PDB file of N, CA and C in Angstrom:
ATOM      1  N   MET A   1      -5.896  -3.135  21.981  1.00  0.00           N
ATOM      2  CA  MET A   1      -4.806  -3.715  21.227  1.00  0.00           C
ATOM      3  C   MET A   1      -3.521  -3.039  21.692  1.00  0.00           C
ATOM      4  N   SER A   2      -2.528  -3.836  22.001  1.00  0.00           N
ATOM      5  CA  SER A   2      -1.275  -3.272  22.469  1.00  0.00           C
ATOM      6  C   SER A   2      -0.552  -2.583  21.321  1.00  0.00           C
ATOM      7  N   LEU A   3       0.353  -1.691  21.689  1.00  0.00           N
ATOM      8  CA  LEU A   3       1.108  -0.942  20.692  1.00  0.00           C
ATOM      9  C   LEU A   3       1.920  -1.871  19.801  1.00  0.00           C
ATOM     10  N   THR A   4       2.487  -2.929  20.374  1.00  0.00           N
ATOM     11  CA  THR A   4       3.283  -3.878  19.607  1.00  0.00           C
ATOM     12  C   THR A   4       2.416  -4.602  18.578  1.00  0.00           C
ATOM     13  N   LYS A   5       1.238  -5.052  18.998  1.00  0.00           N
ATOM     14  CA  LYS A   5       0.338  -5.739  18.070  1.00  0.00           C
ATOM     15  C   LYS A   5      -0.139  -4.783  16.988  1.00  0.00           C
ATOM     16  N   PHE A   6      -0.405  -3.540  17.363  1.00  0.00           N
ATOM     17  CA  PHE A   6      -0.845  -2.539  16.400  1.00  0.00           C
ATOM     18  C   PHE A   6       0.251  -2.292  15.373  1.00  0.00           C
ATOM     19  N   ALA A   7       1.501  -2.165  15.825  1.00  0.00           N
ATOM     20  CA  ALA A   7       2.622  -1.935  14.919  1.00  0.00           C
ATOM     21  C   ALA A   7       2.816  -3.127  13.989  1.00  0.00           C
ATOM     22  N   ALA A   8       2.684  -4.323  14.518  1.00  0.00           N
ATOM     23  CA  ALA A   8       2.838  -5.522  13.698  1.00  0.00           C
ATOM     24  C   ALA A   8       1.739  -5.598  12.650  1.00  0.00           C
ATOM     25  N   LYS A   9       0.524  -5.299  13.066  1.00  0.00           N
ATOM     26  CA  LYS A   9      -0.601  -5.330  12.138  1.00  0.00           C
ATOM     27  C   LYS A   9      -0.443  -4.261  11.061  1.00  0.00           C
ATOM     28  N   SER A  10       0.014  -3.082  11.447  1.00  0.00           N
ATOM     29  CA  SER A  10       0.233  -1.997  10.493  1.00  0.00           C
ATOM     30  C   SER A  10       1.302  -2.376   9.480  1.00  0.00           C
ATOM     31  N   SER A  11       2.379  -2.967   9.958  1.00  0.00           N
ATOM     32  CA  SER A  11       3.450  -3.385   9.058  1.00  0.00           C
ATOM     33  C   SER A  11       2.953  -4.451   8.096  1.00  0.00           C
ATOM     34  N   PHE A  12       2.160  -5.382   8.591  1.00  0.00           N
ATOM     35  CA  PHE A  12       1.614  -6.433   7.746  1.00  0.00           C
ATOM     36  C   PHE A  12       0.739  -5.847   6.647  1.00  0.00           C
ATOM     37  N   ILE A  13      -0.110  -4.914   6.999  1.00  0.00           N
ATOM     38  CA  ILE A  13      -0.989  -4.302   6.005  1.00  0.00           C
ATOM     39  C   ILE A  13      -0.176  -3.492   5.000  1.00  0.00           C
ATOM     40  N   ALA A  14       0.870  -2.825   5.478  1.00  0.00           N
ATOM     41  CA  ALA A  14       1.726  -2.079   4.552  1.00  0.00           C
ATOM     42  C   ALA A  14       2.387  -3.028   3.566  1.00  0.00           C
ATOM     43  N   LEU A  15       2.818  -4.176   4.052  1.00  0.00           N
ATOM     44  CA  LEU A  15       3.411  -5.156   3.154  1.00  0.00           C
ATOM     45  C   LEU A  15       2.385  -5.665   2.153  1.00  0.00           C
ATOM     46  N   LEU A  16       1.157  -5.825   2.599  1.00  0.00           N
ATOM     47  CA  LEU A  16       0.108  -6.225   1.672  1.00  0.00           C
ATOM     48  C   LEU A  16      -0.114  -5.144   0.626  1.00  0.00           C
ATOM     49  N   ALA A  17      -0.014  -3.897   1.065  1.00  0.00           N
ATOM     50  CA  ALA A  17      -0.260  -2.787   0.155  1.00  0.00           C
ATOM     51  C   ALA A  17       0.826  -2.658  -0.891  1.00  0.00           C
ATOM     52  N   PHE A  18       2.071  -2.844  -0.504  1.00  0.00           N
ATOM     53  CA  PHE A  18       3.167  -2.590  -1.433  1.00  0.00           C
ATOM     54  C   PHE A  18       4.030  -3.794  -1.745  1.00  0.00           C
ATOM     55  N   GLY A  19       3.906  -4.871  -1.012  1.00  0.00           N
ATOM     56  CA  GLY A  19       4.682  -6.068  -1.311  1.00  0.00           C
ATOM     57  C   GLY A  19       3.908  -6.924  -2.282  1.00  0.00           C
ATOM     58  N   LEU A  20       3.649  -6.380  -3.412  1.00  0.00           N
ATOM     59  CA  LEU A  20       2.695  -6.952  -4.349  1.00  0.00           C
ATOM     60  C   LEU A  20       3.359  -7.783  -5.438  1.00  0.00           C
ATOM     61  N   THR A  21       2.607  -8.707  -5.971  1.00  0.00           N
ATOM     62  CA  THR A  21       3.007  -9.380  -7.186  1.00  0.00           C
ATOM     63  C   THR A  21       1.922  -9.106  -8.209  1.00  0.00           C
ATOM     64  N   ALA A  22       2.319  -8.801  -9.389  1.00  0.00           N
ATOM     65  CA  ALA A  22       1.350  -8.404 -10.414  1.00  0.00           C
ATOM     66  C   ALA A  22       0.634  -9.631 -10.981  1.00  0.00           C
ATOM     67  N   CYS A  23      -0.518  -9.946 -10.430  1.00  0.00           N
ATOM     68  CA  CYS A  23      -1.289 -11.066 -10.946  1.00  0.00           C
ATOM     69  C   CYS A  23      -2.395 -10.565 -11.866  1.00  0.00           C
ATOM     70  N   THR A  24      -2.625  -9.273 -11.880  1.00  0.00           N
ATOM     71  CA  THR A  24      -3.615  -8.646 -12.729  1.00  0.00           C
ATOM     72  C   THR A  24      -3.006  -7.359 -13.271  1.00  0.00           C
ATOM     73  N   ASP A  25      -3.434  -6.974 -14.454  1.00  0.00           N
ATOM     74  CA  ASP A  25      -2.926  -5.738 -15.039  1.00  0.00           C
ATOM     75  C   ASP A  25      -3.692  -4.536 -14.510  1.00  0.00           C
ATOM     76  N   TYR A  26      -2.967  -3.556 -14.038  1.00  0.00           N
ATOM     77  CA  TYR A  26      -3.536  -2.299 -13.579  1.00  0.00           C
ATOM     78  C   TYR A  26      -2.889  -1.185 -14.375  1.00  0.00           C
ATOM     79  N   ASP A  27      -3.562  -0.041 -14.466  1.00  0.00           N
ATOM     80  CA  ASP A  27      -2.951   1.104 -15.114  1.00  0.00           C
ATOM     81  C   ASP A  27      -1.653   1.409 -14.391  1.00  0.00           C
ATOM     82  N   PRO A  28      -0.555   1.514 -15.111  1.00  0.00           N
ATOM     83  CA  PRO A  28       0.738   1.757 -14.472  1.00  0.00           C
ATOM     84  C   PRO A  28       0.800   3.146 -13.841  1.00  0.00           C
ATOM     85  N   ILE A  29       1.350   3.191 -12.646  1.00  0.00           N
ATOM     86  CA  ILE A  29       1.544   4.450 -11.926  1.00  0.00           C
ATOM     87  C   ILE A  29       3.051   4.611 -11.731  1.00  0.00           C
ATOM     88  N   PRO A  30       3.644   5.666 -12.292  1.00  0.00           N
ATOM     89  CA  PRO A  30       5.098   5.838 -12.168  1.00  0.00           C
ATOM     90  C   PRO A  30       5.516   6.198 -10.751  1.00  0.00           C
ATOM     91  N   VAL A  31       6.771   5.926 -10.437  1.00  0.00           N
ATOM     92  CA  VAL A  31       7.322   6.209  -9.113  1.00  0.00           C
ATOM     93  C   VAL A  31       7.198   7.702  -8.775  1.00  0.00           C
ATOM     94  N   SER A  32       7.162   8.544  -9.786  1.00  0.00           N
ATOM     95  CA  SER A  32       7.033   9.992  -9.551  1.00  0.00           C
ATOM     96  C   SER A  32       5.703  10.350  -8.893  1.00  0.00           C
ATOM     97  N   GLN A  33       4.734   9.421  -8.907  1.00  0.00           N
ATOM     98  CA  GLN A  33       3.433   9.679  -8.285  1.00  0.00           C
ATOM     99  C   GLN A  33       3.267   8.959  -6.942  1.00  0.00           C
ATOM    100  N   CYS A  34       4.395   8.595  -6.325  1.00  0.00           N
ATOM    101  CA  CYS A  34       4.318   7.886  -5.047  1.00  0.00           C
ATOM    102  C   CYS A  34       3.603   8.697  -3.972  1.00  0.00           C
ATOM    103  N   SER A  35       3.721   9.999  -3.990  1.00  0.00           N
ATOM    104  CA  SER A  35       3.011  10.784  -2.963  1.00  0.00           C
ATOM    105  C   SER A  35       1.503  10.575  -3.090  1.00  0.00           C
ATOM    106  N   LYS A  36       1.005  10.468  -4.309  1.00  0.00           N
ATOM    107  CA  LYS A  36      -0.423  10.199  -4.535  1.00  0.00           C
ATOM    108  C   LYS A  36      -0.788   8.792  -4.056  1.00  0.00           C
ATOM    109  N   VAL A  37       0.076   7.821  -4.345  1.00  0.00           N
ATOM    110  CA  VAL A  37      -0.162   6.427  -3.942  1.00  0.00           C
ATOM    111  C   VAL A  37      -0.167   6.308  -2.413  1.00  0.00           C
ATOM    112  N   VAL A  38       0.819   6.952  -1.771  1.00  0.00           N
ATOM    113  CA  VAL A  38       0.920   6.910  -0.311  1.00  0.00           C
ATOM    114  C   VAL A  38      -0.312   7.552   0.323  1.00  0.00           C
ATOM    115  N   SER A  39      -0.704   8.683  -0.191  1.00  0.00           N
ATOM    116  CA  SER A  39      -1.880   9.381   0.339  1.00  0.00           C
ATOM    117  C   SER A  39      -3.127   8.502   0.209  1.00  0.00           C
ATOM    118  N   HIS A  40      -3.281   7.843  -0.933  1.00  0.00           N
ATOM    119  CA  HIS A  40      -4.432   6.965  -1.147  1.00  0.00           C
ATOM    120  C   HIS A  40      -4.390   5.762  -0.205  1.00  0.00           C
ATOM    121  N   ALA A  41      -3.216   5.156  -0.065  1.00  0.00           N
ATOM    122  CA  ALA A  41      -3.088   3.996   0.827  1.00  0.00           C
ATOM    123  C   ALA A  41      -3.420   4.383   2.263  1.00  0.00           C
ATOM    124  N   GLN A  42      -2.958   5.558   2.691  1.00  0.00           N
ATOM    125  CA  GLN A  42      -3.263   6.019   4.050  1.00  0.00           C
ATOM    126  C   GLN A  42      -4.765   6.221   4.223  1.00  0.00           C
ATOM    127  N   LYS A  43      -5.413   6.749   3.209  1.00  0.00           N
ATOM    128  CA  LYS A  43      -6.862   6.964   3.275  1.00  0.00           C
ATOM    129  C   LYS A  43      -7.593   5.623   3.405  1.00  0.00           C
ATOM    130  N   VAL A  44      -7.184   4.643   2.598  1.00  0.00           N
ATOM    131  CA  VAL A  44      -7.832   3.325   2.628  1.00  0.00           C
ATOM    132  C   VAL A  44      -7.553   2.613   3.952  1.00  0.00           C
ATOM    133  N   LEU A  45      -6.315   2.677   4.431  1.00  0.00           N
ATOM    134  CA  LEU A  45      -5.934   1.966   5.651  1.00  0.00           C
ATOM    135  C   LEU A  45      -6.383   2.671   6.924  1.00  0.00           C
ATOM    136  N   GLY A  46      -6.624   3.963   6.842  1.00  0.00           N
ATOM    137  CA  GLY A  46      -7.069   4.719   8.006  1.00  0.00           C
ATOM    138  C   GLY A  46      -6.086   4.625   9.156  1.00  0.00           C
ATOM    139  N   ALA A  47      -6.582   4.349  10.334  1.00  0.00           N
ATOM    140  CA  ALA A  47      -5.754   4.299  11.546  1.00  0.00           C
ATOM    141  C   ALA A  47      -4.730   3.166  11.506  1.00  0.00           C
ATOM    142  N   MET A  48      -4.908   2.208  10.616  1.00  0.00           N
ATOM    143  CA  MET A  48      -3.974   1.087  10.525  1.00  0.00           C
ATOM    144  C   MET A  48      -2.786   1.392   9.620  1.00  0.00           C
ATOM    145  N   ALA A  49      -2.776   2.555   8.996  1.00  0.00           N
ATOM    146  CA  ALA A  49      -1.695   2.903   8.074  1.00  0.00           C
ATOM    147  C   ALA A  49      -0.391   3.151   8.817  1.00  0.00           C
ATOM    148  N   PRO A  50       0.710   2.613   8.290  1.00  0.00           N
ATOM    149  CA  PRO A  50       2.022   2.918   8.870  1.00  0.00           C
ATOM    150  C   PRO A  50       2.423   4.347   8.511  1.00  0.00           C
ATOM    151  N   SER A  51       3.583   4.750   8.928  1.00  0.00           N
ATOM    152  CA  SER A  51       4.037   6.120   8.674  1.00  0.00           C
ATOM    153  C   SER A  51       4.157   6.369   7.173  1.00  0.00           C
ATOM    154  N   ALA A  52       4.028   7.641   6.814  1.00  0.00           N
ATOM    155  CA  ALA A  52       4.155   8.038   5.412  1.00  0.00           C
ATOM    156  C   ALA A  52       5.534   7.677   4.882  1.00  0.00           C
ATOM    157  N   GLY A  53       6.563   7.816   5.715  1.00  0.00           N
ATOM    158  CA  GLY A  53       7.922   7.480   5.299  1.00  0.00           C
ATOM    159  C   GLY A  53       8.067   6.006   4.953  1.00  0.00           C
ATOM    160  N   GLU A  54       7.473   5.151   5.765  1.00  0.00           N
ATOM    161  CA  GLU A  54       7.526   3.708   5.505  1.00  0.00           C
ATOM    162  C   GLU A  54       6.775   3.369   4.222  1.00  0.00           C
ATOM    163  N   LEU A  55       5.600   3.949   4.053  1.00  0.00           N
ATOM    164  CA  LEU A  55       4.826   3.711   2.839  1.00  0.00           C
ATOM    165  C   LEU A  55       5.557   4.235   1.604  1.00  0.00           C
ATOM    166  N   MET A  56       6.216   5.377   1.742  1.00  0.00           N
ATOM    167  CA  MET A  56       6.938   5.958   0.611  1.00  0.00           C
ATOM    168  C   MET A  56       8.071   5.033   0.164  1.00  0.00           C
ATOM    169  N   GLY A  57       8.805   4.479   1.111  1.00  0.00           N
ATOM    170  CA  GLY A  57       9.871   3.542   0.773  1.00  0.00           C
ATOM    171  C   GLY A  57       9.345   2.324   0.049  1.00  0.00           C
ATOM    172  N   GLN A  58       8.221   1.802   0.519  1.00  0.00           N
ATOM    173  CA  GLN A  58       7.621   0.639  -0.115  1.00  0.00           C
ATOM    174  C   GLN A  58       7.096   0.983  -1.504  1.00  0.00           C
ATOM    175  N   CYS A  59       6.547   2.180  -1.638  1.00  0.00           N
ATOM    176  CA  CYS A  59       6.031   2.616  -2.928  1.00  0.00           C
ATOM    177  C   CYS A  59       7.159   2.712  -3.951  1.00  0.00           C
ATOM    178  N   LYS A  60       8.269   3.281  -3.533  1.00  0.00           N
ATOM    179  CA  LYS A  60       9.392   3.465  -4.452  1.00  0.00           C
ATOM    180  C   LYS A  60       9.989   2.143  -4.907  1.00  0.00           C
ATOM    181  N   SER A  61       9.853   1.100  -4.104  1.00  0.00           N
ATOM    182  CA  SER A  61      10.398  -0.201  -4.489  1.00  0.00           C
ATOM    183  C   SER A  61       9.378  -1.059  -5.244  1.00  0.00           C
ATOM    184  N   ALA A  62       8.135  -0.610  -5.333  1.00  0.00           N
ATOM    185  CA  ALA A  62       7.087  -1.357  -6.036  1.00  0.00           C
ATOM    186  C   ALA A  62       7.188  -1.121  -7.548  1.00  0.00           C
ATOM    187  N   THR A  63       6.537  -1.978  -8.322  1.00  0.00           N
ATOM    188  CA  THR A  63       6.475  -1.798  -9.771  1.00  0.00           C
ATOM    189  C   THR A  63       5.350  -0.827 -10.116  1.00  0.00           C
ATOM    190  N   ASP A  64       5.349  -0.354 -11.347  1.00  0.00           N
ATOM    191  CA  ASP A  64       4.290   0.542 -11.794  1.00  0.00           C
ATOM    192  C   ASP A  64       2.915  -0.119 -11.670  1.00  0.00           C
ATOM    193  N   SER A  65       2.834  -1.400 -12.014  1.00  0.00           N
ATOM    194  CA  SER A  65       1.574  -2.130 -11.922  1.00  0.00           C
ATOM    195  C   SER A  65       1.140  -2.298 -10.468  1.00  0.00           C
ATOM    196  N   GLU A  66       2.089  -2.560  -9.583  1.00  0.00           N
ATOM    197  CA  GLU A  66       1.771  -2.709  -8.164  1.00  0.00           C
ATOM    198  C   GLU A  66       1.226  -1.391  -7.598  1.00  0.00           C
ATOM    199  N   ARG A  67       1.833  -0.290  -7.978  1.00  0.00           N
ATOM    200  CA  ARG A  67       1.309   1.014  -7.536  1.00  0.00           C
ATOM    201  C   ARG A  67      -0.086   1.228  -8.090  1.00  0.00           C
ATOM    202  N   GLY A  68      -0.333   0.791  -9.320  1.00  0.00           N
ATOM    203  CA  GLY A  68      -1.664   0.898  -9.919  1.00  0.00           C
ATOM    204  C   GLY A  68      -2.692   0.089  -9.163  1.00  0.00           C
ATOM    205  N   CYS A  69      -2.292  -1.075  -8.688  1.00  0.00           N
ATOM    206  CA  CYS A  69      -3.185  -1.920  -7.898  1.00  0.00           C
ATOM    207  C   CYS A  69      -3.608  -1.205  -6.616  1.00  0.00           C
ATOM    208  N   VAL A  70      -2.648  -0.565  -5.969  1.00  0.00           N
ATOM    209  CA  VAL A  70      -2.944   0.165  -4.727  1.00  0.00           C
ATOM    210  C   VAL A  70      -3.914   1.313  -5.011  1.00  0.00           C
ATOM    211  N   ILE A  71      -3.676   2.056  -6.083  1.00  0.00           N
ATOM    212  CA  ILE A  71      -4.555   3.177  -6.432  1.00  0.00           C
ATOM    213  C   ILE A  71      -5.962   2.690  -6.748  1.00  0.00           C
ATOM    214  N   ALA A  72      -6.077   1.508  -7.354  1.00  0.00           N
ATOM    215  CA  ALA A  72      -7.388   0.968  -7.717  1.00  0.00           C
ATOM    216  C   ALA A  72      -8.174   0.477  -6.497  1.00  0.00           C
ATOM    217  N   ALA A  73      -7.493   0.188  -5.404  1.00  0.00           N
ATOM    218  CA  ALA A  73      -8.150  -0.352  -4.211  1.00  0.00           C
ATOM    219  C   ALA A  73      -8.938   0.735  -3.483  1.00  0.00           C
ATOM    220  N   THR A  74     -10.126   0.378  -3.041  1.00  0.00           N
ATOM    221  CA  THR A  74     -10.946   1.308  -2.265  1.00  0.00           C
ATOM    222  C   THR A  74     -11.228   0.779  -0.861  1.00  0.00           C
ATOM    223  N   LYS A  75     -10.843  -0.479  -0.602  1.00  0.00           N
ATOM    224  CA  LYS A  75     -11.053  -1.102   0.704  1.00  0.00           C
ATOM    225  C   LYS A  75      -9.799  -1.868   1.106  1.00  0.00           C
ATOM    226  N   LYS A  76      -9.633  -2.061   2.405  1.00  0.00           N
ATOM    227  CA  LYS A  76      -8.469  -2.797   2.917  1.00  0.00           C
ATOM    228  C   LYS A  76      -8.363  -4.178   2.270  1.00  0.00           C
ATOM    229  N   GLY A  77      -9.476  -4.857   2.125  1.00  0.00           N
ATOM    230  CA  GLY A  77      -9.475  -6.185   1.528  1.00  0.00           C
ATOM    231  C   GLY A  77      -8.986  -6.172   0.087  1.00  0.00           C
ATOM    232  N   GLN A  78      -9.289  -5.094  -0.632  1.00  0.00           N
ATOM    233  CA  GLN A  78      -8.821  -4.985  -2.002  1.00  0.00           C
ATOM    234  C   GLN A  78      -7.306  -4.808  -2.040  1.00  0.00           C
ATOM    235  N   LEU A  79      -6.771  -4.086  -1.056  1.00  0.00           N
ATOM    236  CA  LEU A  79      -5.311  -3.953  -0.974  1.00  0.00           C
ATOM    237  C   LEU A  79      -4.693  -5.339  -0.783  1.00  0.00           C
ATOM    238  N   ALA A  80      -5.309  -6.150   0.038  1.00  0.00           N
ATOM    239  CA  ALA A  80      -4.807  -7.497   0.287  1.00  0.00           C
ATOM    240  C   ALA A  80      -4.871  -8.336  -0.991  1.00  0.00           C
ATOM    241  N   GLN A  81      -5.846  -8.091  -1.844  1.00  0.00           N
ATOM    242  CA  GLN A  81      -5.980  -8.851  -3.089  1.00  0.00           C
ATOM    243  C   GLN A  81      -4.928  -8.464  -4.116  1.00  0.00           C
ATOM    244  N   CYS A  82      -4.201  -7.389  -3.859  1.00  0.00           N
ATOM    245  CA  CYS A  82      -3.140  -7.004  -4.773  1.00  0.00           C
ATOM    246  C   CYS A  82      -2.005  -8.014  -4.742  1.00  0.00           C
ATOM    247  N   LEU A  83      -1.998  -8.892  -3.726  1.00  0.00           N
ATOM    248  CA  LEU A  83      -0.948  -9.908  -3.624  1.00  0.00           C
ATOM    249  C   LEU A  83      -1.043 -10.906  -4.723  1.00  0.00           C
TER     250      LEU A  83
END
């Protein structure tokens, strides 16, 4: 996979992780816990995870419920279902 395709795929997954709409209720996670959310998202996404800085920015702009959705996810597909 070329670096460009990898970067595009990583960005897409990051958007799936944090560009969420609250279609289900999750335990709210405050913005003060973004480091925990970012760490969890990186663990779930593995090598496909974008930089911590990019994830942190997305986390800070997400809602409490959206952050809760990310924390509840244990697989990449579950992150995608947060949409």
